[in-house]
Amino acid sequence: MTVALGCSRESEVETTARKGVEKIRSLIRDCGIPSRLRDVGIPQNAIPDMAVAAMKITRLLKNNPRPVAVEDAIAIYKAAY
């Protein structure tokens, strides 16, 4: 049974999710879409300001299953750098 993105449902939910992530990575690669912040010219010193700005988008944060603090947003942006 296909779940999404042409991926089959696996016996473990995590395995199914990982296949979905790999499919998205493959699509990004095939389309030539930059996948890192530095690849689109964002300087690393902009990360703290971006994190503060992200915390102001409360409509997205309130639907997140886990609480997110500015430090979490900074860590996410650093990982994407």
PDB file of N, CA and C in Angstrom:
ATOM      1  N   MET A   1       0.835  -1.173   0.000  1.00  0.00           N
ATOM      2  CA  MET A   1       0.000   0.000   0.000  1.00  0.00           C
ATOM      3  C   MET A   1       0.891   1.250   0.000  1.00  0.00           C
ATOM      4  N   THR A   2       0.625   2.161  -0.904  1.00  0.00           N
ATOM      5  CA  THR A   2       1.361   3.419  -0.973  1.00  0.00           C
ATOM      6  C   THR A   2       0.768   4.397   0.028  1.00  0.00           C
ATOM      7  N   VAL A   3       1.635   5.013   0.827  1.00  0.00           N
ATOM      8  CA  VAL A   3       1.190   5.958   1.851  1.00  0.00           C
ATOM      9  C   VAL A   3       1.259   7.379   1.306  1.00  0.00           C
ATOM     10  N   ALA A   4       2.424   7.794   0.886  1.00  0.00           N
ATOM     11  CA  ALA A   4       2.629   9.129   0.338  1.00  0.00           C
ATOM     12  C   ALA A   4       3.942   9.157  -0.422  1.00  0.00           C
ATOM     13  N   LEU A   5       4.035  10.050  -1.374  1.00  0.00           N
ATOM     14  CA  LEU A   5       5.251  10.235  -2.161  1.00  0.00           C
ATOM     15  C   LEU A   5       5.683   8.972  -2.889  1.00  0.00           C
ATOM     16  N   GLY A   6       4.777   8.046  -3.073  1.00  0.00           N
ATOM     17  CA  GLY A   6       5.114   6.795  -3.740  1.00  0.00           C
ATOM     18  C   GLY A   6       5.825   5.806  -2.845  1.00  0.00           C
ATOM     19  N   CYS A   7       5.857   6.057  -1.556  1.00  0.00           N
ATOM     20  CA  CYS A   7       6.521   5.163  -0.604  1.00  0.00           C
ATOM     21  C   CYS A   7       5.519   4.152  -0.057  1.00  0.00           C
ATOM     22  N   SER A   8       6.002   2.956   0.140  1.00  0.00           N
ATOM     23  CA  SER A   8       5.165   1.899   0.690  1.00  0.00           C
ATOM     24  C   SER A   8       5.173   1.938   2.208  1.00  0.00           C
ATOM     25  N   ARG A   9       4.086   1.491   2.807  1.00  0.00           N
ATOM     26  CA  ARG A   9       4.030   1.367   4.264  1.00  0.00           C
ATOM     27  C   ARG A   9       4.904   0.173   4.662  1.00  0.00           C
ATOM     28  N   GLU A  10       5.794   0.429   5.608  1.00  0.00           N
ATOM     29  CA  GLU A  10       6.685  -0.610   6.108  1.00  0.00           C
ATOM     30  C   GLU A  10       6.142  -1.162   7.417  1.00  0.00           C
ATOM     31  N   SER A  11       6.771  -2.208   7.934  1.00  0.00           N
ATOM     32  CA  SER A  11       6.297  -2.821   9.176  1.00  0.00           C
ATOM     33  C   SER A  11       6.490  -1.895  10.377  1.00  0.00           C
ATOM     34  N   GLU A  12       7.464  -1.016  10.315  1.00  0.00           N
ATOM     35  CA  GLU A  12       7.729  -0.058  11.389  1.00  0.00           C
ATOM     36  C   GLU A  12       7.421   1.351  10.898  1.00  0.00           C
ATOM     37  N   VAL A  13       6.748   2.134  11.727  1.00  0.00           N
ATOM     38  CA  VAL A  13       6.403   3.514  11.369  1.00  0.00           C
ATOM     39  C   VAL A  13       7.659   4.321  11.078  1.00  0.00           C
ATOM     40  N   GLU A  14       8.690   4.136  11.886  1.00  0.00           N
ATOM     41  CA  GLU A  14       9.933   4.884  11.692  1.00  0.00           C
ATOM     42  C   GLU A  14      10.569   4.565  10.338  1.00  0.00           C
ATOM     43  N   THR A  15      10.535   3.321   9.931  1.00  0.00           N
ATOM     44  CA  THR A  15      11.089   2.929   8.642  1.00  0.00           C
ATOM     45  C   THR A  15      10.315   3.601   7.506  1.00  0.00           C
ATOM     46  N   THR A  16       8.993   3.634   7.626  1.00  0.00           N
ATOM     47  CA  THR A  16       8.159   4.304   6.625  1.00  0.00           C
ATOM     48  C   THR A  16       8.514   5.787   6.567  1.00  0.00           C
ATOM     49  N   ALA A  17       8.648   6.420   7.723  1.00  0.00           N
ATOM     50  CA  ALA A  17       8.985   7.842   7.783  1.00  0.00           C
ATOM     51  C   ALA A  17      10.352   8.105   7.159  1.00  0.00           C
ATOM     52  N   ARG A  18      11.316   7.263   7.452  1.00  0.00           N
ATOM     53  CA  ARG A  18      12.663   7.438   6.889  1.00  0.00           C
ATOM     54  C   ARG A  18      12.657   7.319   5.369  1.00  0.00           C
ATOM     55  N   LYS A  19      11.843   6.423   4.840  1.00  0.00           N
ATOM     56  CA  LYS A  19      11.726   6.300   3.390  1.00  0.00           C
ATOM     57  C   LYS A  19      11.133   7.572   2.792  1.00  0.00           C
ATOM     58  N   GLY A  20      10.164   8.165   3.491  1.00  0.00           N
ATOM     59  CA  GLY A  20       9.574   9.423   3.042  1.00  0.00           C
ATOM     60  C   GLY A  20      10.590  10.552   3.034  1.00  0.00           C
ATOM     61  N   VAL A  21      11.397  10.624   4.093  1.00  0.00           N
ATOM     62  CA  VAL A  21      12.442  11.651   4.176  1.00  0.00           C
ATOM     63  C   VAL A  21      13.438  11.470   3.040  1.00  0.00           C
ATOM     64  N   GLU A  22      13.844  10.255   2.779  1.00  0.00           N
ATOM     65  CA  GLU A  22      14.792   9.998   1.701  1.00  0.00           C
ATOM     66  C   GLU A  22      14.186  10.370   0.347  1.00  0.00           C
ATOM     67  N   LYS A  23      12.897  10.112   0.162  1.00  0.00           N
ATOM     68  CA  LYS A  23      12.226  10.481  -1.076  1.00  0.00           C
ATOM     69  C   LYS A  23      12.252  12.002  -1.276  1.00  0.00           C
ATOM     70  N   ILE A  24      11.985  12.745  -0.208  1.00  0.00           N
ATOM     71  CA  ILE A  24      12.028  14.209  -0.286  1.00  0.00           C
ATOM     72  C   ILE A  24      13.446  14.683  -0.595  1.00  0.00           C
ATOM     73  N   ARG A  25      14.435  14.100   0.057  1.00  0.00           N
ATOM     74  CA  ARG A  25      15.834  14.463  -0.231  1.00  0.00           C
ATOM     75  C   ARG A  25      16.178  14.190  -1.690  1.00  0.00           C
ATOM     76  N   SER A  26      15.698  13.089  -2.205  1.00  0.00           N
ATOM     77  CA  SER A  26      15.936  12.742  -3.601  1.00  0.00           C
ATOM     78  C   SER A  26      15.285  13.758  -4.547  1.00  0.00           C
ATOM     79  N   LEU A  27      14.059  14.150  -4.233  1.00  0.00           N
ATOM     80  CA  LEU A  27      13.374  15.156  -5.051  1.00  0.00           C
ATOM     81  C   LEU A  27      14.117  16.489  -5.026  1.00  0.00           C
ATOM     82  N   ILE A  28      14.574  16.898  -3.855  1.00  0.00           N
ATOM     83  CA  ILE A  28      15.336  18.139  -3.728  1.00  0.00           C
ATOM     84  C   ILE A  28      16.597  18.070  -4.570  1.00  0.00           C
ATOM     85  N   ARG A  29      17.310  16.965  -4.471  1.00  0.00           N
ATOM     86  CA  ARG A  29      18.542  16.763  -5.230  1.00  0.00           C
ATOM     87  C   ARG A  29      18.257  16.779  -6.733  1.00  0.00           C
ATOM     88  N   ASP A  30      17.231  16.030  -7.150  1.00  0.00           N
ATOM     89  CA  ASP A  30      16.897  15.930  -8.575  1.00  0.00           C
ATOM     90  C   ASP A  30      16.460  17.262  -9.174  1.00  0.00           C
ATOM     91  N   CYS A  31      15.822  18.088  -8.358  1.00  0.00           N
ATOM     92  CA  CYS A  31      15.341  19.398  -8.834  1.00  0.00           C
ATOM     93  C   CYS A  31      16.414  20.481  -8.713  1.00  0.00           C
ATOM     94  N   GLY A  32      17.514  20.165  -8.052  1.00  0.00           N
ATOM     95  CA  GLY A  32      18.585  21.142  -7.882  1.00  0.00           C
ATOM     96  C   GLY A  32      18.235  22.255  -6.907  1.00  0.00           C
ATOM     97  N   ILE A  33      17.374  21.971  -5.953  1.00  0.00           N
ATOM     98  CA  ILE A  33      16.966  22.968  -4.966  1.00  0.00           C
ATOM     99  C   ILE A  33      18.005  23.015  -3.848  1.00  0.00           C
ATOM    100  N   PRO A  34      18.499  24.206  -3.498  1.00  0.00           N
ATOM    101  CA  PRO A  34      19.453  24.295  -2.385  1.00  0.00           C
ATOM    102  C   PRO A  34      18.798  23.794  -1.100  1.00  0.00           C
ATOM    103  N   SER A  35      19.552  23.063  -0.304  1.00  0.00           N
ATOM    104  CA  SER A  35      18.966  22.494   0.909  1.00  0.00           C
ATOM    105  C   SER A  35      19.567  23.045   2.196  1.00  0.00           C
ATOM    106  N   ARG A  36      20.540  23.941   2.062  1.00  0.00           N
ATOM    107  CA  ARG A  36      21.167  24.522   3.255  1.00  0.00           C
ATOM    108  C   ARG A  36      21.038  26.041   3.196  1.00  0.00           C
ATOM    109  N   LEU A  37      20.953  26.648   4.358  1.00  0.00           N
ATOM    110  CA  LEU A  37      20.821  28.107   4.418  1.00  0.00           C
ATOM    111  C   LEU A  37      22.000  28.800   3.741  1.00  0.00           C
ATOM    112  N   ARG A  38      23.203  28.281   3.938  1.00  0.00           N
ATOM    113  CA  ARG A  38      24.376  28.915   3.326  1.00  0.00           C
ATOM    114  C   ARG A  38      24.330  28.855   1.802  1.00  0.00           C
ATOM    115  N   ASP A  39      23.629  27.858   1.269  1.00  0.00           N
ATOM    116  CA  ASP A  39      23.535  27.725  -0.185  1.00  0.00           C
ATOM    117  C   ASP A  39      22.657  28.797  -0.828  1.00  0.00           C
ATOM    118  N   VAL A  40      21.858  29.478  -0.010  1.00  0.00           N
ATOM    119  CA  VAL A  40      21.011  30.551  -0.535  1.00  0.00           C
ATOM    120  C   VAL A  40      21.480  31.918  -0.039  1.00  0.00           C
ATOM    121  N   GLY A  41      22.728  31.976   0.459  1.00  0.00           N
ATOM    122  CA  GLY A  41      23.350  33.241   0.810  1.00  0.00           C
ATOM    123  C   GLY A  41      22.999  33.821   2.166  1.00  0.00           C
ATOM    124  N   ILE A  42      22.448  33.028   3.047  1.00  0.00           N
ATOM    125  CA  ILE A  42      22.132  33.521   4.386  1.00  0.00           C
ATOM    126  C   ILE A  42      23.378  33.403   5.255  1.00  0.00           C
ATOM    127  N   PRO A  43      23.840  34.522   5.819  1.00  0.00           N
ATOM    128  CA  PRO A  43      25.038  34.454   6.663  1.00  0.00           C
ATOM    129  C   PRO A  43      24.735  33.797   8.008  1.00  0.00           C
ATOM    130  N   GLN A  44      25.701  33.108   8.544  1.00  0.00           N
ATOM    131  CA  GLN A  44      25.506  32.387   9.803  1.00  0.00           C
ATOM    132  C   GLN A  44      25.146  33.330  10.951  1.00  0.00           C
ATOM    133  N   ASN A  45      25.645  34.574  10.899  1.00  0.00           N
ATOM    134  CA  ASN A  45      25.352  35.504  11.990  1.00  0.00           C
ATOM    135  C   ASN A  45      23.901  36.004  11.953  1.00  0.00           C
ATOM    136  N   ALA A  46      23.138  35.639  10.935  1.00  0.00           N
ATOM    137  CA  ALA A  46      21.715  36.003  10.864  1.00  0.00           C
ATOM    138  C   ALA A  46      20.838  35.026  11.646  1.00  0.00           C
ATOM    139  N   ILE A  47      21.392  33.898  12.033  1.00  0.00           N
ATOM    140  CA  ILE A  47      20.599  32.839  12.676  1.00  0.00           C
ATOM    141  C   ILE A  47      19.883  33.303  13.951  1.00  0.00           C
ATOM    142  N   PRO A  48      20.537  33.982  14.877  1.00  0.00           N
ATOM    143  CA  PRO A  48      19.804  34.401  16.082  1.00  0.00           C
ATOM    144  C   PRO A  48      18.592  35.288  15.767  1.00  0.00           C
ATOM    145  N   ASP A  49      18.749  36.231  14.848  1.00  0.00           N
ATOM    146  CA  ASP A  49      17.625  37.100  14.484  1.00  0.00           C
ATOM    147  C   ASP A  49      16.509  36.308  13.803  1.00  0.00           C
ATOM    148  N   MET A  50      16.884  35.346  12.991  1.00  0.00           N
ATOM    149  CA  MET A  50      15.877  34.501  12.331  1.00  0.00           C
ATOM    150  C   MET A  50      15.100  33.697  13.367  1.00  0.00           C
ATOM    151  N   ALA A  51      15.805  33.198  14.378  1.00  0.00           N
ATOM    152  CA  ALA A  51      15.153  32.414  15.429  1.00  0.00           C
ATOM    153  C   ALA A  51      14.158  33.271  16.212  1.00  0.00           C
ATOM    154  N   VAL A  52      14.557  34.477  16.543  1.00  0.00           N
ATOM    155  CA  VAL A  52      13.652  35.385  17.265  1.00  0.00           C
ATOM    156  C   VAL A  52      12.426  35.679  16.406  1.00  0.00           C
ATOM    157  N   ALA A  53      12.642  35.931  15.116  1.00  0.00           N
ATOM    158  CA  ALA A  53      11.519  36.203  14.210  1.00  0.00           C
ATOM    159  C   ALA A  53      10.603  34.987  14.101  1.00  0.00           C
ATOM    160  N   ALA A  54      11.173  33.799  14.065  1.00  0.00           N
ATOM    161  CA  ALA A  54      10.364  32.577  13.964  1.00  0.00           C
ATOM    162  C   ALA A  54       9.466  32.401  15.177  1.00  0.00           C
ATOM    163  N   MET A  55       9.936  32.830  16.339  1.00  0.00           N
ATOM    164  CA  MET A  55       9.152  32.684  17.561  1.00  0.00           C
ATOM    165  C   MET A  55       7.915  33.583  17.573  1.00  0.00           C
ATOM    166  N   LYS A  56       7.888  34.555  16.680  1.00  0.00           N
ATOM    167  CA  LYS A  56       6.745  35.470  16.592  1.00  0.00           C
ATOM    168  C   LYS A  56       5.607  34.904  15.754  1.00  0.00           C
ATOM    169  N   ILE A  57       5.866  33.800  15.056  1.00  0.00           N
ATOM    170  CA  ILE A  57       4.838  33.184  14.214  1.00  0.00           C
ATOM    171  C   ILE A  57       4.095  32.153  15.069  1.00  0.00           C
ATOM    172  N   THR A  58       3.284  32.662  15.966  1.00  0.00           N
ATOM    173  CA  THR A  58       2.656  31.816  16.973  1.00  0.00           C
ATOM    174  C   THR A  58       1.634  30.852  16.392  1.00  0.00           C
ATOM    175  N   ARG A  59       1.010  31.183  15.268  1.00  0.00           N
ATOM    176  CA  ARG A  59       0.018  30.273  14.692  1.00  0.00           C
ATOM    177  C   ARG A  59       0.657  28.943  14.305  1.00  0.00           C
ATOM    178  N   LEU A  60       1.925  28.957  13.966  1.00  0.00           N
ATOM    179  CA  LEU A  60       2.624  27.711  13.651  1.00  0.00           C
ATOM    180  C   LEU A  60       3.110  27.022  14.921  1.00  0.00           C
ATOM    181  N   LEU A  61       3.593  27.800  15.873  1.00  0.00           N
ATOM    182  CA  LEU A  61       4.141  27.226  17.099  1.00  0.00           C
ATOM    183  C   LEU A  61       3.075  26.563  17.957  1.00  0.00           C
ATOM    184  N   LYS A  62       1.874  27.128  17.989  1.00  0.00           N
ATOM    185  CA  LYS A  62       0.847  26.549  18.860  1.00  0.00           C
ATOM    186  C   LYS A  62       0.365  25.192  18.345  1.00  0.00           C
ATOM    187  N   ASN A  63       0.573  24.898  17.064  1.00  0.00           N
ATOM    188  CA  ASN A  63       0.191  23.604  16.510  1.00  0.00           C
ATOM    189  C   ASN A  63       1.321  22.574  16.572  1.00  0.00           C
ATOM    190  N   ASN A  64       2.487  23.005  17.013  1.00  0.00           N
ATOM    191  CA  ASN A  64       3.627  22.100  17.107  1.00  0.00           C
ATOM    192  C   ASN A  64       3.418  21.171  18.305  1.00  0.00           C
ATOM    193  N   PRO A  65       3.654  19.884  18.161  1.00  0.00           N
ATOM    194  CA  PRO A  65       3.413  18.950  19.272  1.00  0.00           C
ATOM    195  C   PRO A  65       4.380  19.120  20.448  1.00  0.00           C
ATOM    196  N   ARG A  66       5.505  19.797  20.218  1.00  0.00           N
ATOM    197  CA  ARG A  66       6.466  20.018  21.304  1.00  0.00           C
ATOM    198  C   ARG A  66       6.719  21.513  21.452  1.00  0.00           C
ATOM    199  N   PRO A  67       6.935  21.969  22.674  1.00  0.00           N
ATOM    200  CA  PRO A  67       7.260  23.382  22.864  1.00  0.00           C
ATOM    201  C   PRO A  67       8.590  23.722  22.194  1.00  0.00           C
ATOM    202  N   VAL A  68       8.676  24.920  21.651  1.00  0.00           N
ATOM    203  CA  VAL A  68       9.898  25.374  20.990  1.00  0.00           C
ATOM    204  C   VAL A  68      10.317  26.697  21.616  1.00  0.00           C
ATOM    205  N   ALA A  69      11.559  26.759  22.076  1.00  0.00           N
ATOM    206  CA  ALA A  69      12.131  27.984  22.625  1.00  0.00           C
ATOM    207  C   ALA A  69      13.086  28.583  21.591  1.00  0.00           C
ATOM    208  N   VAL A  70      13.510  29.804  21.818  1.00  0.00           N
ATOM    209  CA  VAL A  70      14.443  30.457  20.892  1.00  0.00           C
ATOM    210  C   VAL A  70      15.692  29.597  20.707  1.00  0.00           C
ATOM    211  N   GLU A  71      16.171  29.002  21.791  1.00  0.00           N
ATOM    212  CA  GLU A  71      17.378  28.161  21.701  1.00  0.00           C
ATOM    213  C   GLU A  71      17.142  26.965  20.778  1.00  0.00           C
ATOM    214  N   ASP A  72      15.930  26.423  20.815  1.00  0.00           N
ATOM    215  CA  ASP A  72      15.588  25.308  19.924  1.00  0.00           C
ATOM    216  C   ASP A  72      15.607  25.772  18.468  1.00  0.00           C
ATOM    217  N   ALA A  73      15.029  26.937  18.218  1.00  0.00           N
ATOM    218  CA  ALA A  73      14.998  27.477  16.856  1.00  0.00           C
ATOM    219  C   ALA A  73      16.405  27.734  16.358  1.00  0.00           C
ATOM    220  N   ILE A  74      17.268  28.263  17.222  1.00  0.00           N
ATOM    221  CA  ILE A  74      18.660  28.497  16.835  1.00  0.00           C
ATOM    222  C   ILE A  74      19.332  27.176  16.459  1.00  0.00           C
ATOM    223  N   ALA A  75      19.098  26.145  17.259  1.00  0.00           N
ATOM    224  CA  ALA A  75      19.688  24.828  16.971  1.00  0.00           C
ATOM    225  C   ALA A  75      19.192  24.274  15.637  1.00  0.00           C
ATOM    226  N   ILE A  76      17.910  24.471  15.356  1.00  0.00           N
ATOM    227  CA  ILE A  76      17.346  23.999  14.092  1.00  0.00           C
ATOM    228  C   ILE A  76      17.998  24.735  12.920  1.00  0.00           C
ATOM    229  N   TYR A  77      18.100  26.050  13.035  1.00  0.00           N
ATOM    230  CA  TYR A  77      18.726  26.840  11.964  1.00  0.00           C
ATOM    231  C   TYR A  77      20.202  26.473  11.790  1.00  0.00           C
ATOM    232  N   LYS A  78      20.901  26.254  12.901  1.00  0.00           N
ATOM    233  CA  LYS A  78      22.313  25.861  12.801  1.00  0.00           C
ATOM    234  C   LYS A  78      22.453  24.509  12.093  1.00  0.00           C
ATOM    235  N   ALA A  79      21.539  23.603  12.378  1.00  0.00           N
ATOM    236  CA  ALA A  79      21.582  22.302  11.707  1.00  0.00           C
ATOM    237  C   ALA A  79      21.296  22.449  10.216  1.00  0.00           C
ATOM    238  N   ALA A  80      20.503  23.447   9.858  1.00  0.00           N
ATOM    239  CA  ALA A  80      20.164  23.675   8.448  1.00  0.00           C
ATOM    240  C   ALA A  80      21.219  24.506   7.738  1.00  0.00           C
ATOM    241  N   TYR A  81      22.206  24.989   8.474  1.00  0.00           N
ATOM    242  CA  TYR A  81      23.220  25.828   7.874  1.00  0.00           C
ATOM    243  C   TYR A  81      24.263  24.979   7.161  1.00  0.00           C
TER     244      TYR A  81
END
